[in-house]
Amino acid sequence: MSEVPPPLLRAVLFEPEKAGNVGNVARTCAVLGAELHLIRPFGFHLHDREFRRAVMDYMQGVELHEHASWTAFQGTLAPDARVWAFSTHAQTLHTRAGFVRGDYLLFGPESRGLPTWLRGALPALKLPQPGGGRSLNLSVAVGVAAFEAGRQIEGW
C-alpha cells in the first residue's frame, strides 16, 4: 500500500477573530488543496452568516481541523513538522523560507497578531510592506504566503 502524500500546505489560524477572513482563507485553501487548521478561541461561530457568505460553497473542498488550544494543536504535529510563524516583527522575508510540501503556515489574530511567546518559539517570516502601514488583511496575507509557498514547492 502506498503512503498518502501530505497536502501542499497547511494554513493555521491562531485565535481568528473575523468570520469573513476565515471564509476567504478557506477558499484559498480549497483552490490550493491546502488544509485549514483553526485554533480556538474564535471570535465568531462557523455557522455565522458572514462566514458562510465568504466561504460560499468552497468548504466541501477544504480539509478543516479545529483545535481547542495551541497545546492541542501541537499534540497533532509529527516530530518533523515545520511550522512557520508569520509576523510583521520577523526579520526574514517569506521568499527566503525554502518551503516544502506539508509545511504549516501560522498566522495570528487580526487585531494583535501572534503573541511574542509563540513568535519566539518558531521560525518567523514576514511579508514585505514597502509602502508602510500596519499590516495586510489576514486573508490577503495568507493568500500571498500560500501562493509563494506553492510556487516554491511546485515550481509554478
Protein backbone atom coordinates (compact mmCIF):
# COMPACT_ATOMS: atom_id res chain seq x y z
CA MET A 1 0.00 0.00 0.00
CA SER A 2 1.40 3.41 -0.93
CA GLU A 3 1.70 6.24 1.54
CA VAL A 4 -0.62 9.24 1.07
CA PRO A 5 1.43 12.37 0.35
CA PRO A 6 0.88 15.35 2.65
CA PRO A 7 -1.20 18.25 1.37
CA LEU A 8 0.60 21.02 -0.45
CA LEU A 9 0.32 23.25 2.63
CA ARG A 10 -1.46 23.68 5.91
CA ALA A 11 -2.77 27.14 6.78
CA VAL A 12 -3.10 27.65 10.55
CA LEU A 13 -5.09 30.50 12.08
CA PHE A 14 -4.37 31.09 15.78
CA GLU A 15 -7.44 32.51 17.54
CA PRO A 16 -9.01 34.07 14.43
CA GLU A 17 -11.50 36.86 15.09
CA LYS A 18 -13.32 37.62 11.83
CA ALA A 19 -15.63 35.16 10.11
CA GLY A 20 -15.17 36.76 6.70
CA ASN A 21 -11.39 36.43 6.82
CA VAL A 22 -11.59 32.77 7.79
CA GLY A 23 -14.07 32.15 4.99
CA ASN A 24 -11.72 33.76 2.49
CA VAL A 25 -8.76 31.73 3.82
CA ALA A 26 -10.87 28.58 3.43
CA ARG A 27 -11.46 29.49 -0.22
CA THR A 28 -7.71 29.92 -0.74
CA CYS A 29 -7.14 26.52 0.86
CA ALA A 30 -9.74 24.93 -1.42
CA VAL A 31 -8.09 26.38 -4.53
CA LEU A 32 -4.61 25.22 -3.44
CA GLY A 33 -5.58 21.86 -1.98
CA ALA A 34 -4.34 23.01 1.43
CA GLU A 35 -5.60 22.00 4.85
CA LEU A 36 -7.05 24.62 7.18
CA HIS A 37 -6.35 24.47 10.92
CA LEU A 38 -8.23 26.76 13.30
CA ILE A 39 -7.04 27.17 16.89
CA ARG A 40 -9.61 28.29 19.48
CA PRO A 41 -10.94 30.52 20.80
CA PHE A 42 -12.59 32.06 17.74
CA GLY A 43 -14.20 35.49 17.64
CA PHE A 44 -17.17 34.07 15.68
CA HIS A 45 -19.08 30.84 15.01
CA LEU A 46 -18.51 28.67 11.96
CA HIS A 47 -22.24 28.91 11.32
CA ASP A 48 -22.23 32.73 11.14
CA ARG A 49 -23.81 34.22 8.03
CA GLU A 50 -20.65 36.24 7.34
CA PHE A 51 -18.54 33.07 7.32
CA ARG A 52 -20.97 31.23 5.03
CA ARG A 53 -21.12 34.20 2.66
CA ALA A 54 -17.31 34.44 2.43
CA VAL A 55 -16.66 30.71 2.03
CA MET A 56 -19.60 30.15 -0.37
CA ASP A 57 -19.54 26.51 -1.50
CA TYR A 58 -15.77 26.09 -1.17
CA MET A 59 -15.85 24.30 2.23
CA GLN A 60 -16.54 20.97 0.55
CA GLY A 61 -13.04 21.21 -0.91
CA VAL A 62 -11.31 22.00 2.40
CA GLU A 63 -9.99 19.61 5.00
CA LEU A 64 -10.79 21.56 8.18
CA HIS A 65 -9.20 20.81 11.56
CA GLU A 66 -10.33 22.57 14.72
CA HIS A 67 -8.09 22.61 17.79
CA ALA A 68 -9.13 23.57 21.32
CA SER A 69 -5.82 25.33 22.06
CA TRP A 70 -2.24 25.80 20.91
CA THR A 71 -1.25 22.85 23.09
CA ALA A 72 -3.90 20.65 21.48
CA PHE A 73 -2.67 21.70 18.03
CA GLN A 74 0.95 20.91 18.96
CA GLY A 75 -0.18 17.45 20.04
CA THR A 76 -1.22 16.70 16.45
CA LEU A 77 2.13 17.61 14.90
CA ALA A 78 4.57 14.99 13.66
CA PRO A 79 8.06 15.28 15.19
CA ASP A 80 9.45 16.59 11.89
CA ALA A 81 6.63 19.10 11.23
CA ARG A 82 7.72 22.52 10.05
CA VAL A 83 5.65 25.42 11.38
CA TRP A 84 6.40 28.90 10.05
CA ALA A 85 5.12 31.85 12.11
CA PHE A 86 4.16 34.92 10.07
CA SER A 87 4.63 38.27 11.77
CA THR A 88 5.33 41.88 10.94
CA HIS A 89 8.02 41.65 13.66
CA ALA A 90 10.01 38.96 11.83
CA GLN A 91 13.28 39.75 10.04
CA THR A 92 13.26 37.06 7.30
CA LEU A 93 11.19 37.51 4.16
CA HIS A 94 8.81 34.68 3.27
CA THR A 95 10.50 34.31 -0.12
CA ARG A 96 13.64 33.02 1.64
CA ALA A 97 11.95 30.25 3.62
CA GLY A 98 12.51 27.25 1.36
CA PHE A 99 9.02 25.80 1.85
CA VAL A 100 8.39 22.07 1.44
CA ARG A 101 5.22 20.08 0.91
CA GLY A 102 3.19 19.79 4.09
CA ASP A 103 4.57 22.90 5.84
CA TYR A 104 2.33 24.74 8.30
CA LEU A 105 1.88 28.49 7.77
CA LEU A 106 0.80 30.07 11.07
CA PHE A 107 -0.97 33.43 11.34
CA GLY A 108 -2.23 35.29 14.40
CA PRO A 109 -5.49 37.06 15.16
CA GLU A 110 -6.40 40.10 13.13
CA SER A 111 -6.25 42.65 15.95
CA ARG A 112 -2.94 41.70 17.55
CA GLY A 113 -1.01 39.12 15.50
CA LEU A 114 0.87 36.23 17.06
CA PRO A 115 1.85 36.60 20.72
CA THR A 116 5.54 37.12 21.48
CA TRP A 117 5.87 33.74 23.22
CA LEU A 118 4.67 31.97 20.09
CA ARG A 119 6.70 34.05 17.62
CA GLY A 120 9.83 33.40 19.64
CA ALA A 121 9.35 29.64 19.66
CA LEU A 122 9.15 29.20 15.88
CA PRO A 123 10.99 30.31 12.75
CA ALA A 124 9.31 33.61 11.86
CA LEU A 125 8.73 35.10 8.43
CA LYS A 126 7.40 38.42 7.22
CA LEU A 127 5.73 39.66 4.09
CA PRO A 128 7.31 42.77 2.52
CA GLN A 129 5.49 46.02 3.16
CA PRO A 130 7.42 48.56 1.11
CA GLY A 131 4.65 51.14 1.35
CA GLY A 132 4.49 51.03 5.13
CA GLY A 133 1.25 50.71 7.02
CA ARG A 134 0.50 48.34 9.87
CA SER A 135 -0.14 45.04 8.11
CA LEU A 136 -2.09 43.29 5.38
CA ASN A 137 -5.56 41.90 5.94
CA LEU A 138 -5.29 38.36 7.33
CA SER A 139 -6.86 36.62 4.35
CA VAL A 140 -4.68 38.58 1.92
CA ALA A 141 -1.55 37.73 3.95
CA VAL A 142 -2.41 34.03 3.94
CA GLY A 143 -3.01 34.16 0.18
CA VAL A 144 0.31 35.87 -0.53
CA ALA A 145 2.25 33.46 1.69
CA ALA A 146 0.42 30.34 0.50
CA PHE A 147 0.89 31.10 -3.19
CA GLU A 148 4.59 31.84 -2.69
CA ALA A 149 4.96 28.56 -0.79
CA GLY A 150 3.11 26.76 -3.57
CA ARG A 151 5.35 28.38 -6.17
CA GLN A 152 8.45 27.19 -4.31
CA ILE A 153 7.10 23.66 -3.84
CA GLU A 154 5.50 23.09 -7.24
CA GLY A 155 7.55 25.48 -9.39
CA TRP A 156 4.59 27.38 -10.86
